[in-house]
Amino acid sequence: MQLDFALKPHSKDKKSTSSPWLSAKPMLLPTPALDFADEQTARQHLREYFLNTFDTYEQLFECLKHEDAFFIKPITLRHPLIFYFAHTATFFVNKLLLSKLISERLNPHFESIFAIGVDEMSWDDLDKVHYDWPSVQEVRNYRHQVRALILNILEHAPLTLPLNWQNPWWTIIMGIEHERIHLETSSVLIRQHALEHVRQHPQWRANIITGMAPDNSLLPVPEGEIHLKKDFNDPFYGWDNEYGQHKAQVAAFAASKYLVSNQEFLAFVEAGGYQIEHYWNEEGLGWLQFSQAAYPCFWRRTESGWSLRLMLEEVPMPWDWPVEVNYHEAKAFCQWKSQQLGKNIRLPTEDEWYRLYAVSDLDPHLPSPEQANIELKYGTSSCPVDHFKQGDFYDIQGNVWQWTETPIYPFQGFQVHPFYDDFSTPTFDGRHNLMKGGSWISAGNEALYSSRYAFRRHFFQHAGFRYVASDQAVQHFPSNYESDQLVSQYLEFQYGTEYFGVTNFAKTLVHLAQPYFQQTPCHRALDIGCATGRASFELAHYFDQVTGLDFSARFIQQAVYLAQGNRVRYQLPLEGELSEEKSCSLEDVALDQFASKTEFFQADACNLKAHFSGYDFILAANLIDRLHHPKDFLAQIHERINMGGILMLSSPYTWLEEHTARSEWLGGFQQDGENITTLAGITNILTQHFELVAEPQDVPFVIRETARKYQHTLSQVTIWRRIR
């Protein structure tokens, strides 16, 4: 196909209004203001926003040339694209279940295998399991079901305004915004695919405008205060890390007028920047040695010169476009630039980006800027770095994301959303740096002034950078989320002080199960609902391998951190606003020698992936009365355990409709005038495959709430052996 190039004059000889893009129609609607005047308006706007997003996402995957392209991994660190094609649809279903807008799954198998796999966390099972992926048509059929499901909800489900963070309908917007994130990340994966697997598409063909790259220069930015504050009454949807407040006084600095262009970055490449080790920090050098990179990953060296890989084609290098690199490459360039200019050159911090925004002519109250290469308004690729002027600078927002020096951290007053507790908390690890400004395809929430997105420093997005000159030290904020009261409570419960003479609950359970370990092989154990992992580590004393599963990423994150030999610090409330600092480690409880035999995964106990099977022992502690489908869990648990294997259940049988629908309770109610106990309900289900091998036993546990308030509970423990 012939390339469509348009040579443009240098920016000083033209006005931005001369761009041929201005006649183009935007493909994506902006994220809607949610302060709707009435219910019907809300339904109509959300329907339009959903369809615009859902259909555009499917259209993106039409760029894959053949069915095999869905199943070949573009890069080893990610799933094949079939996963992402289905993932956003299953996300809708899983979140709608949590918000109780629906009561049943559409396809439990799909909603399990396509649930998790976005970032290569240490507990991610990405490279450990071979999935028998369904066909593309099966996924398309599933997406059609989800589409119909959402449209039915939007038309008929009860809706009460205001539509805010607490509203069950928030999960619908959450699903739409989540799909918009994956619209961008999937476009990156398609760009990383071999050209033989992609094809041109009339709606996704790049509109290539290029010319001479401008000379970059540093412009002053005066000191000033930033005050970020987003509350739950904000009219626009936000992810949890945006809420709370942050205030800072930012010292004066100078910033590059333009994003770093391919032309400007070429000087670093030609100076041997990828071969000179002292430009790279330790982490960057590790990535460099692993990747053996010698220039940016989207650059191609050809016989006729440099080319650039776009999403669907390779084109002669547009030197005036922003270079696209990961954080390590941007950081190394800054080290080289410091040497060239004799100044302290680095990436801007998040606070400095907000100061740049403040001196631009952008309006933070708009859902997206009009004069910016963002939200597919002007094309399906980058554009020249001197095209969109915003104050004295260019591309403060839009074109490509901009790496910052700031690892993402929670603002003061941060809260996780109860329906998506693992959006931000896994990234509060000091290893995910914020990117600001958005790219040409960033849409919806991504285009907001308040958005905060962070990626692993070695990852590639449609991301580049600008640099700043400043002698101010970079301030790093605490990124480990220690103020989570529930996590702190469980760390104390599992690793902390024993109160009122009641022994550690996890340790007691494993001690009660220990005699049965002599009657069965001790190869593999499964701890379902492991929380912060204490029982998993205790079981590793007896088993060759122990797998811990929990629905909460916050809990799993702590278990992984402990398994790595770290000390976890947490805060416990004393009274009122007073708290005390505590810490724990596996060494404190003499379990550090067993950590290497444990692994942890985030999972839904009612919808486990098929490979969680073949266990000799399964523990489900204080779990069944918190499940949304406990009957299904018990009816299927035999599929996970070997013949003769042992199942241990414990529960205080505290049935609450906020966790489990009344129709799903195993007991605790009257039926035909008779009292039905939970033990009777458990027995009725499990005796089809298990026998009870010991009398039920009540085991006490104590959970501290404050210095003078404690929960003292009895959990009934039953032990079962699989016999058929």
Foldseek 3Di string as FASTA:
>chain_A
DDDAEDEDDDLVVDALVVDPLQVDAFLADAFDQQQDPDLVVNLVVLLVNQCSQLVVLVVVVVQFDDQVQQQDFLDLLFGRNVLLLQQLLLLLQLLLCLLVLDPDGPDLQSNAVSHDTDGPDQQDCRPPDDDPDDGPVVSVVSSVVSSVVVNCCSVDPDDDDDPWLPGSCLSSVVSSLVSLVSSFVVLVRLLSHPLVGGADDVVQDFNHYAYDADDKDKDKFAKDKDKQADDGVGRADAALQLHAIDIDTGHIWIWIQWAAFQQNCVVCLVVQLLPDPVLFDPVLVVVCVVVVDSDAPQWDQDPVGIWGRHSNDIGRDRRQWHDFAFQRSQSSVQSVVCVVVVFNKGFAAPRVLVSVVVQWQDDLSDSAGPQALASLSRGNAAYGRSNRGTHSHGQSAERAWAWGPAQRAHHVPGDHRPSCNPPPQVSLPSQWTWTDRHYNSNHHNNRHPSHTDTGGRRDTGSYGHIMMTDPDDDDYDRSNPQAPAVLQLVCCQQFNDAPPPADRPLLVVCVVCVVCCVVWPQAEEEEEQCQLNNNQLVSLVRYQAYEYEHQHPSRLSNNVCQLVVDKDKHWAAADDPDIDIDIGHCVSVVSNVRSVRYHYDYRQLLSHNLVQAAHQEYEYEQHLLQAQASLSSLLCVVRRHDAFGKYKYKHLLPHDCSRYNPVRRLADDDDPNHHGHNVNSSCVRNVVFKDWDDDKDWGWGWTDRHNPDIDITTMIMTMIGGHD
